[in-house]
Amino acid sequence: MGVAFQRLMPVIADQVPAVLSIVDVRGLVERQIQAFSPAEVERVILQVAQRELRAITWWGGVLGAAVGGVQAGLLLLAG
């Protein structure tokens, strides 16, 4: 990173709370959501749920394989 960027970042970071207090982020999000039709809200929720459930399933498989591998290793060492 450049020297100018490194000097500018603390200044920007100090100003973020002031900017967020001026901009009503929560209100903007609420208005955007209220502008959606019920069908659009349902579609977005289903997309997010599908993505998150896919991640949960994938991580469950990874953790299950890891636990199985550890158990198999312990059985081999104990036997």
PDB file of N, CA and C in Angstrom:
ATOM      1  N   MET A   1       0.832  -1.180   0.000  1.00  0.00           N
ATOM      2  CA  MET A   1       0.000   0.000   0.000  1.00  0.00           C
ATOM      3  C   MET A   1       0.875   1.241   0.000  1.00  0.00           C
ATOM      4  N   GLY A   2       0.352   2.276  -0.589  1.00  0.00           N
ATOM      5  CA  GLY A   2       1.110   3.508  -0.657  1.00  0.00           C
ATOM      6  C   GLY A   2       1.091   4.256   0.659  1.00  0.00           C
ATOM      7  N   VAL A   3       2.041   5.148   0.806  1.00  0.00           N
ATOM      8  CA  VAL A   3       2.156   5.952   2.023  1.00  0.00           C
ATOM      9  C   VAL A   3       0.932   6.838   2.193  1.00  0.00           C
ATOM     10  N   ALA A   4       0.441   7.398   1.104  1.00  0.00           N
ATOM     11  CA  ALA A   4      -0.733   8.263   1.182  1.00  0.00           C
ATOM     12  C   ALA A   4      -1.943   7.480   1.674  1.00  0.00           C
ATOM     13  N   PHE A   5      -2.103   6.263   1.195  1.00  0.00           N
ATOM     14  CA  PHE A   5      -3.216   5.424   1.626  1.00  0.00           C
ATOM     15  C   PHE A   5      -3.117   5.113   3.113  1.00  0.00           C
ATOM     16  N   GLN A   6      -1.908   4.791   3.579  1.00  0.00           N
ATOM     17  CA  GLN A   6      -1.706   4.472   4.997  1.00  0.00           C
ATOM     18  C   GLN A   6      -2.000   5.679   5.879  1.00  0.00           C
ATOM     19  N   ARG A   7      -1.722   6.866   5.406  1.00  0.00           N
ATOM     20  CA  ARG A   7      -2.007   8.069   6.187  1.00  0.00           C
ATOM     21  C   ARG A   7      -3.485   8.443   6.133  1.00  0.00           C
ATOM     22  N   LEU A   8      -4.126   8.111   5.026  1.00  0.00           N
ATOM     23  CA  LEU A   8      -5.527   8.473   4.833  1.00  0.00           C
ATOM     24  C   LEU A   8      -6.482   7.539   5.577  1.00  0.00           C
ATOM     25  N   MET A   9      -6.129   6.282   5.740  1.00  0.00           N
ATOM     26  CA  MET A   9      -7.019   5.314   6.370  1.00  0.00           C
ATOM     27  C   MET A   9      -7.432   5.706   7.788  1.00  0.00           C
ATOM     28  N   PRO A  10      -6.533   6.140   8.674  1.00  0.00           N
ATOM     29  CA  PRO A  10      -6.989   6.540  10.016  1.00  0.00           C
ATOM     30  C   PRO A  10      -7.968   7.717   9.981  1.00  0.00           C
ATOM     31  N   VAL A  11      -7.764   8.630   9.060  1.00  0.00           N
ATOM     32  CA  VAL A  11      -8.669   9.776   8.931  1.00  0.00           C
ATOM     33  C   VAL A  11     -10.053   9.298   8.503  1.00  0.00           C
ATOM     34  N   ILE A  12     -10.091   8.403   7.525  1.00  0.00           N
ATOM     35  CA  ILE A  12     -11.363   7.866   7.051  1.00  0.00           C
ATOM     36  C   ILE A  12     -12.036   7.062   8.165  1.00  0.00           C
ATOM     37  N   ALA A  13     -11.260   6.243   8.853  1.00  0.00           N
ATOM     38  CA  ALA A  13     -11.823   5.424   9.936  1.00  0.00           C
ATOM     39  C   ALA A  13     -12.425   6.297  11.031  1.00  0.00           C
ATOM     40  N   ASP A  14     -11.814   7.436  11.314  1.00  0.00           N
ATOM     41  CA  ASP A  14     -12.347   8.347  12.328  1.00  0.00           C
ATOM     42  C   ASP A  14     -13.667   8.971  11.886  1.00  0.00           C
ATOM     43  N   GLN A  15     -13.866   9.119  10.591  1.00  0.00           N
ATOM     44  CA  GLN A  15     -15.061   9.775  10.065  1.00  0.00           C
ATOM     45  C   GLN A  15     -16.240   8.824   9.850  1.00  0.00           C
ATOM     46  N   VAL A  16     -16.000   7.528   9.866  1.00  0.00           N
ATOM     47  CA  VAL A  16     -17.065   6.565   9.592  1.00  0.00           C
ATOM     48  C   VAL A  16     -18.233   6.708  10.565  1.00  0.00           C
ATOM     49  N   PRO A  17     -18.021   6.789  11.886  1.00  0.00           N
ATOM     50  CA  PRO A  17     -19.173   6.931  12.781  1.00  0.00           C
ATOM     51  C   PRO A  17     -20.008   8.181  12.483  1.00  0.00           C
ATOM     52  N   ALA A  18     -19.360   9.285  12.142  1.00  0.00           N
ATOM     53  CA  ALA A  18     -20.091  10.509  11.836  1.00  0.00           C
ATOM     54  C   ALA A  18     -20.934  10.332  10.569  1.00  0.00           C
ATOM     55  N   VAL A  19     -20.372   9.700   9.577  1.00  0.00           N
ATOM     56  CA  VAL A  19     -21.103   9.474   8.327  1.00  0.00           C
ATOM     57  C   VAL A  19     -22.289   8.543   8.570  1.00  0.00           C
ATOM     58  N   LEU A  20     -22.063   7.481   9.355  1.00  0.00           N
ATOM     59  CA  LEU A  20     -23.149   6.544   9.635  1.00  0.00           C
ATOM     60  C   LEU A  20     -24.260   7.187  10.454  1.00  0.00           C
ATOM     61  N   SER A  21     -23.915   8.146  11.306  1.00  0.00           N
ATOM     62  CA  SER A  21     -24.961   8.816  12.077  1.00  0.00           C
ATOM     63  C   SER A  21     -25.791   9.738  11.196  1.00  0.00           C
ATOM     64  N   ILE A  22     -25.193  10.244  10.124  1.00  0.00           N
ATOM     65  CA  ILE A  22     -25.922  11.113   9.199  1.00  0.00           C
ATOM     66  C   ILE A  22     -26.799  10.281   8.269  1.00  0.00           C
ATOM     67  N   VAL A  23     -26.250   9.201   7.757  1.00  0.00           N
ATOM     68  CA  VAL A  23     -26.969   8.351   6.816  1.00  0.00           C
ATOM     69  C   VAL A  23     -27.772   7.329   7.630  1.00  0.00           C
ATOM     70  N   ASP A  24     -29.057   7.311   7.432  1.00  0.00           N
ATOM     71  CA  ASP A  24     -29.944   6.388   8.141  1.00  0.00           C
ATOM     72  C   ASP A  24     -29.935   5.045   7.416  1.00  0.00           C
ATOM     73  N   VAL A  25     -28.904   4.244   7.692  1.00  0.00           N
ATOM     74  CA  VAL A  25     -28.741   2.963   7.012  1.00  0.00           C
ATOM     75  C   VAL A  25     -29.917   2.050   7.330  1.00  0.00           C
ATOM     76  N   ARG A  26     -30.294   2.005   8.595  1.00  0.00           N
ATOM     77  CA  ARG A  26     -31.402   1.137   8.989  1.00  0.00           C
ATOM     78  C   ARG A  26     -32.686   1.534   8.254  1.00  0.00           C
ATOM     79  N   GLY A  27     -32.949   2.819   8.204  1.00  0.00           N
ATOM     80  CA  GLY A  27     -34.142   3.296   7.509  1.00  0.00           C
ATOM     81  C   GLY A  27     -34.100   2.984   6.025  1.00  0.00           C
ATOM     82  N   LEU A  28     -32.919   3.135   5.419  1.00  0.00           N
ATOM     83  CA  LEU A  28     -32.771   2.815   3.989  1.00  0.00           C
ATOM     84  C   LEU A  28     -33.074   1.345   3.727  1.00  0.00           C
ATOM     85  N   VAL A  29     -32.538   0.478   4.578  1.00  0.00           N
ATOM     86  CA  VAL A  29     -32.761  -0.962   4.401  1.00  0.00           C
ATOM     87  C   VAL A  29     -34.247  -1.285   4.595  1.00  0.00           C
ATOM     88  N   GLU A  30     -34.852  -0.703   5.633  1.00  0.00           N
ATOM     89  CA  GLU A  30     -36.276  -0.959   5.879  1.00  0.00           C
ATOM     90  C   GLU A  30     -37.131  -0.517   4.697  1.00  0.00           C
ATOM     91  N   ARG A  31     -36.846   0.649   4.149  1.00  0.00           N
ATOM     92  CA  ARG A  31     -37.617   1.137   3.002  1.00  0.00           C
ATOM     93  C   ARG A  31     -37.442   0.240   1.780  1.00  0.00           C
ATOM     94  N   GLN A  32     -36.213  -0.246   1.576  1.00  0.00           N
ATOM     95  CA  GLN A  32     -35.967  -1.141   0.437  1.00  0.00           C
ATOM     96  C   GLN A  32     -36.741  -2.449   0.606  1.00  0.00           C
ATOM     97  N   ILE A  33     -36.737  -2.982   1.819  1.00  0.00           N
ATOM     98  CA  ILE A  33     -37.448  -4.240   2.070  1.00  0.00           C
ATOM     99  C   ILE A  33     -38.946  -4.041   1.918  1.00  0.00           C
ATOM    100  N   GLN A  34     -39.455  -2.924   2.424  1.00  0.00           N
ATOM    101  CA  GLN A  34     -40.886  -2.662   2.317  1.00  0.00           C
ATOM    102  C   GLN A  34     -41.318  -2.462   0.858  1.00  0.00           C
ATOM    103  N   ALA A  35     -40.394  -2.053   0.012  1.00  0.00           N
ATOM    104  CA  ALA A  35     -40.710  -1.854  -1.400  1.00  0.00           C
ATOM    105  C   ALA A  35     -40.824  -3.181  -2.145  1.00  0.00           C
ATOM    106  N   PHE A  36     -40.266  -4.254  -1.573  1.00  0.00           N
ATOM    107  CA  PHE A  36     -40.356  -5.566  -2.212  1.00  0.00           C
ATOM    108  C   PHE A  36     -41.773  -6.100  -2.120  1.00  0.00           C
ATOM    109  N   SER A  37     -42.153  -6.837  -3.126  1.00  0.00           N
ATOM    110  CA  SER A  37     -43.426  -7.547  -3.064  1.00  0.00           C
ATOM    111  C   SER A  37     -43.217  -8.795  -2.203  1.00  0.00           C
ATOM    112  N   PRO A  38     -44.294  -9.369  -1.675  1.00  0.00           N
ATOM    113  CA  PRO A  38     -44.142 -10.599  -0.885  1.00  0.00           C
ATOM    114  C   PRO A  38     -43.454 -11.717  -1.666  1.00  0.00           C
ATOM    115  N   ALA A  39     -43.697 -11.806  -2.951  1.00  0.00           N
ATOM    116  CA  ALA A  39     -43.051 -12.838  -3.768  1.00  0.00           C
ATOM    117  C   ALA A  39     -41.543 -12.611  -3.844  1.00  0.00           C
ATOM    118  N   GLU A  40     -41.124 -11.338  -3.959  1.00  0.00           N
ATOM    119  CA  GLU A  40     -39.687 -11.036  -4.006  1.00  0.00           C
ATOM    120  C   GLU A  40     -39.025 -11.354  -2.677  1.00  0.00           C
ATOM    121  N   VAL A  41     -39.674 -11.014  -1.570  1.00  0.00           N
ATOM    122  CA  VAL A  41     -39.127 -11.313  -0.244  1.00  0.00           C
ATOM    123  C   VAL A  41     -38.973 -12.818  -0.077  1.00  0.00           C
ATOM    124  N   GLU A  42     -39.995 -13.571  -0.481  1.00  0.00           N
ATOM    125  CA  GLU A  42     -39.933 -15.031  -0.375  1.00  0.00           C
ATOM    126  C   GLU A  42     -38.786 -15.582  -1.210  1.00  0.00           C
ATOM    127  N   ARG A  43     -38.614 -15.068  -2.428  1.00  0.00           N
ATOM    128  CA  ARG A  43     -37.535 -15.533  -3.306  1.00  0.00           C
ATOM    129  C   ARG A  43     -36.168 -15.280  -2.678  1.00  0.00           C
ATOM    130  N   VAL A  44     -35.968 -14.093  -2.113  1.00  0.00           N
ATOM    131  CA  VAL A  44     -34.684 -13.754  -1.492  1.00  0.00           C
ATOM    132  C   VAL A  44     -34.420 -14.643  -0.276  1.00  0.00           C
ATOM    133  N   ILE A  45     -35.451 -14.830   0.552  1.00  0.00           N
ATOM    134  CA  ILE A  45     -35.290 -15.665   1.745  1.00  0.00           C
ATOM    135  C   ILE A  45     -34.951 -17.099   1.353  1.00  0.00           C
ATOM    136  N   LEU A  46     -35.632 -17.626   0.341  1.00  0.00           N
ATOM    137  CA  LEU A  46     -35.358 -18.993  -0.096  1.00  0.00           C
ATOM    138  C   LEU A  46     -33.950 -19.130  -0.668  1.00  0.00           C
ATOM    139  N   GLN A  47     -33.485 -18.114  -1.396  1.00  0.00           N
ATOM    140  CA  GLN A  47     -32.123 -18.167  -1.938  1.00  0.00           C
ATOM    141  C   GLN A  47     -31.095 -18.195  -0.808  1.00  0.00           C
ATOM    142  N   VAL A  48     -31.279 -17.335   0.175  1.00  0.00           N
ATOM    143  CA  VAL A  48     -30.341 -17.286   1.299  1.00  0.00           C
ATOM    144  C   VAL A  48     -30.389 -18.588   2.087  1.00  0.00           C
ATOM    145  N   ALA A  49     -31.600 -19.081   2.371  1.00  0.00           N
ATOM    146  CA  ALA A  49     -31.744 -20.320   3.128  1.00  0.00           C
ATOM    147  C   ALA A  49     -31.089 -21.483   2.386  1.00  0.00           C
ATOM    148  N   GLN A  50     -31.282 -21.552   1.070  1.00  0.00           N
ATOM    149  CA  GLN A  50     -30.695 -22.639   0.291  1.00  0.00           C
ATOM    150  C   GLN A  50     -29.166 -22.589   0.354  1.00  0.00           C
ATOM    151  N   ARG A  51     -28.612 -21.397   0.213  1.00  0.00           N
ATOM    152  CA  ARG A  51     -27.158 -21.242   0.263  1.00  0.00           C
ATOM    153  C   ARG A  51     -26.616 -21.630   1.639  1.00  0.00           C
ATOM    154  N   GLU A  52     -27.290 -21.178   2.701  1.00  0.00           N
ATOM    155  CA  GLU A  52     -26.820 -21.470   4.054  1.00  0.00           C
ATOM    156  C   GLU A  52     -26.969 -22.950   4.380  1.00  0.00           C
ATOM    157  N   LEU A  53     -28.071 -23.579   3.962  1.00  0.00           N
ATOM    158  CA  LEU A  53     -28.245 -25.005   4.212  1.00  0.00           C
ATOM    159  C   LEU A  53     -27.214 -25.831   3.457  1.00  0.00           C
ATOM    160  N   ARG A  54     -26.866 -25.383   2.255  1.00  0.00           N
ATOM    161  CA  ARG A  54     -25.818 -26.069   1.488  1.00  0.00           C
ATOM    162  C   ARG A  54     -24.485 -25.995   2.241  1.00  0.00           C
ATOM    163  N   ALA A  55     -24.178 -24.829   2.804  1.00  0.00           N
ATOM    164  CA  ALA A  55     -22.937 -24.669   3.563  1.00  0.00           C
ATOM    165  C   ALA A  55     -22.955 -25.536   4.820  1.00  0.00           C
ATOM    166  N   ILE A  56     -24.099 -25.572   5.511  1.00  0.00           N
ATOM    167  CA  ILE A  56     -24.211 -26.403   6.714  1.00  0.00           C
ATOM    168  C   ILE A  56     -24.004 -27.872   6.365  1.00  0.00           C
ATOM    169  N   THR A  57     -24.608 -28.323   5.270  1.00  0.00           N
ATOM    170  CA  THR A  57     -24.462 -29.711   4.841  1.00  0.00           C
ATOM    171  C   THR A  57     -23.017 -30.023   4.488  1.00  0.00           C
ATOM    172  N   TRP A  58     -22.375 -29.118   3.767  1.00  0.00           N
ATOM    173  CA  TRP A  58     -20.977 -29.324   3.367  1.00  0.00           C
ATOM    174  C   TRP A  58     -20.063 -29.399   4.588  1.00  0.00           C
ATOM    175  N   TRP A  59     -20.214 -28.433   5.505  1.00  0.00           N
ATOM    176  CA  TRP A  59     -19.371 -28.435   6.706  1.00  0.00           C
ATOM    177  C   TRP A  59     -19.663 -29.638   7.593  1.00  0.00           C
ATOM    178  N   GLY A  60     -20.918 -30.087   7.617  1.00  0.00           N
ATOM    179  CA  GLY A  60     -21.251 -31.296   8.371  1.00  0.00           C
ATOM    180  C   GLY A  60     -20.506 -32.504   7.823  1.00  0.00           C
ATOM    181  N   GLY A  61     -20.428 -32.588   6.499  1.00  0.00           N
ATOM    182  CA  GLY A  61     -19.681 -33.683   5.884  1.00  0.00           C
ATOM    183  C   GLY A  61     -18.196 -33.613   6.197  1.00  0.00           C
ATOM    184  N   VAL A  62     -17.649 -32.422   6.142  1.00  0.00           N
ATOM    185  CA  VAL A  62     -16.216 -32.254   6.440  1.00  0.00           C
ATOM    186  C   VAL A  62     -15.928 -32.628   7.890  1.00  0.00           C
ATOM    187  N   LEU A  63     -16.743 -32.104   8.813  1.00  0.00           N
ATOM    188  CA  LEU A  63     -16.527 -32.410  10.235  1.00  0.00           C
ATOM    189  C   LEU A  63     -16.765 -33.887  10.524  1.00  0.00           C
ATOM    190  N   GLY A  64     -17.778 -34.480   9.876  1.00  0.00           N
ATOM    191  CA  GLY A  64     -18.032 -35.912  10.062  1.00  0.00           C
ATOM    192  C   GLY A  64     -16.869 -36.756   9.586  1.00  0.00           C
ATOM    193  N   ALA A  65     -16.304 -36.396   8.447  1.00  0.00           N
ATOM    194  CA  ALA A  65     -15.153 -37.132   7.927  1.00  0.00           C
ATOM    195  C   ALA A  65     -13.950 -36.978   8.857  1.00  0.00           C
ATOM    196  N   ALA A  66     -13.762 -35.782   9.392  1.00  0.00           N
ATOM    197  CA  ALA A  66     -12.631 -35.551  10.300  1.00  0.00           C
ATOM    198  C   ALA A  66     -12.798 -36.370  11.578  1.00  0.00           C
ATOM    199  N   VAL A  67     -13.992 -36.348  12.147  1.00  0.00           N
ATOM    200  CA  VAL A  67     -14.235 -37.125  13.371  1.00  0.00           C
ATOM    201  C   VAL A  67     -14.071 -38.613  13.094  1.00  0.00           C
ATOM    202  N   GLY A  68     -14.611 -39.075  11.959  1.00  0.00           N
ATOM    203  CA  GLY A  68     -14.438 -40.477  11.587  1.00  0.00           C
ATOM    204  C   GLY A  68     -12.979 -40.861  11.424  1.00  0.00           C
ATOM    205  N   GLY A  69     -12.204 -39.984  10.818  1.00  0.00           N
ATOM    206  CA  GLY A  69     -10.779 -40.248  10.647  1.00  0.00           C
ATOM    207  C   GLY A  69     -10.049 -40.323  11.968  1.00  0.00           C
ATOM    208  N   VAL A  70     -10.386 -39.430  12.882  1.00  0.00           N
ATOM    209  CA  VAL A  70      -9.756 -39.453  14.209  1.00  0.00           C
ATOM    210  C   VAL A  70     -10.145 -40.734  14.939  1.00  0.00           C
ATOM    211  N   GLN A  71     -11.420 -41.113  14.885  1.00  0.00           N
ATOM    212  CA  GLN A  71     -11.858 -42.340  15.557  1.00  0.00           C
ATOM    213  C   GLN A  71     -11.163 -43.568  14.967  1.00  0.00           C
ATOM    214  N   ALA A  72     -11.047 -43.620  13.651  1.00  0.00           N
ATOM    215  CA  ALA A  72     -10.375 -44.751  13.019  1.00  0.00           C
ATOM    216  C   ALA A  72      -8.912 -44.805  13.448  1.00  0.00           C
ATOM    217  N   GLY A  73      -8.279 -43.647  13.506  1.00  0.00           N
ATOM    218  CA  GLY A  73      -6.881 -43.589  13.944  1.00  0.00           C
ATOM    219  C   GLY A  73      -6.716 -44.050  15.368  1.00  0.00           C
ATOM    220  N   LEU A  74      -7.623 -43.632  16.245  1.00  0.00           N
ATOM    221  CA  LEU A  74      -7.553 -44.059  17.648  1.00  0.00           C
ATOM    222  C   LEU A  74      -7.795 -45.554  17.788  1.00  0.00           C
ATOM    223  N   LEU A  75      -8.703 -46.107  16.994  1.00  0.00           N
ATOM    224  CA  LEU A  75      -8.947 -47.559  17.043  1.00  0.00           C
ATOM    225  C   LEU A  75      -7.729 -48.343  16.589  1.00  0.00           C
ATOM    226  N   LEU A  76      -7.057 -47.821  15.541  1.00  0.00           N
ATOM    227  CA  LEU A  76      -5.858 -48.496  15.054  1.00  0.00           C
ATOM    228  C   LEU A  76      -4.738 -48.446  16.091  1.00  0.00           C
ATOM    229  N   LEU A  77      -4.612 -47.329  16.785  1.00  0.00           N
ATOM    230  CA  LEU A  77      -3.578 -47.198  17.810  1.00  0.00           C
ATOM    231  C   LEU A  77      -3.894 -48.047  19.039  1.00  0.00           C
ATOM    232  N   ALA A  78      -5.171 -48.151  19.381  1.00  0.00           N
ATOM    233  CA  ALA A  78      -5.556 -48.904  20.583  1.00  0.00           C
ATOM    234  C   ALA A  78      -5.569 -50.405  20.322  1.00  0.00           C
ATOM    235  N   GLY A  79      -5.784 -50.805  19.084  1.00  0.00           N
ATOM    236  CA  GLY A  79      -5.939 -52.237  18.762  1.00  0.00           C
ATOM    237  C   GLY A  79      -4.676 -52.899  18.537  1.00  0.00           C
TER     238      GLY A  79
END
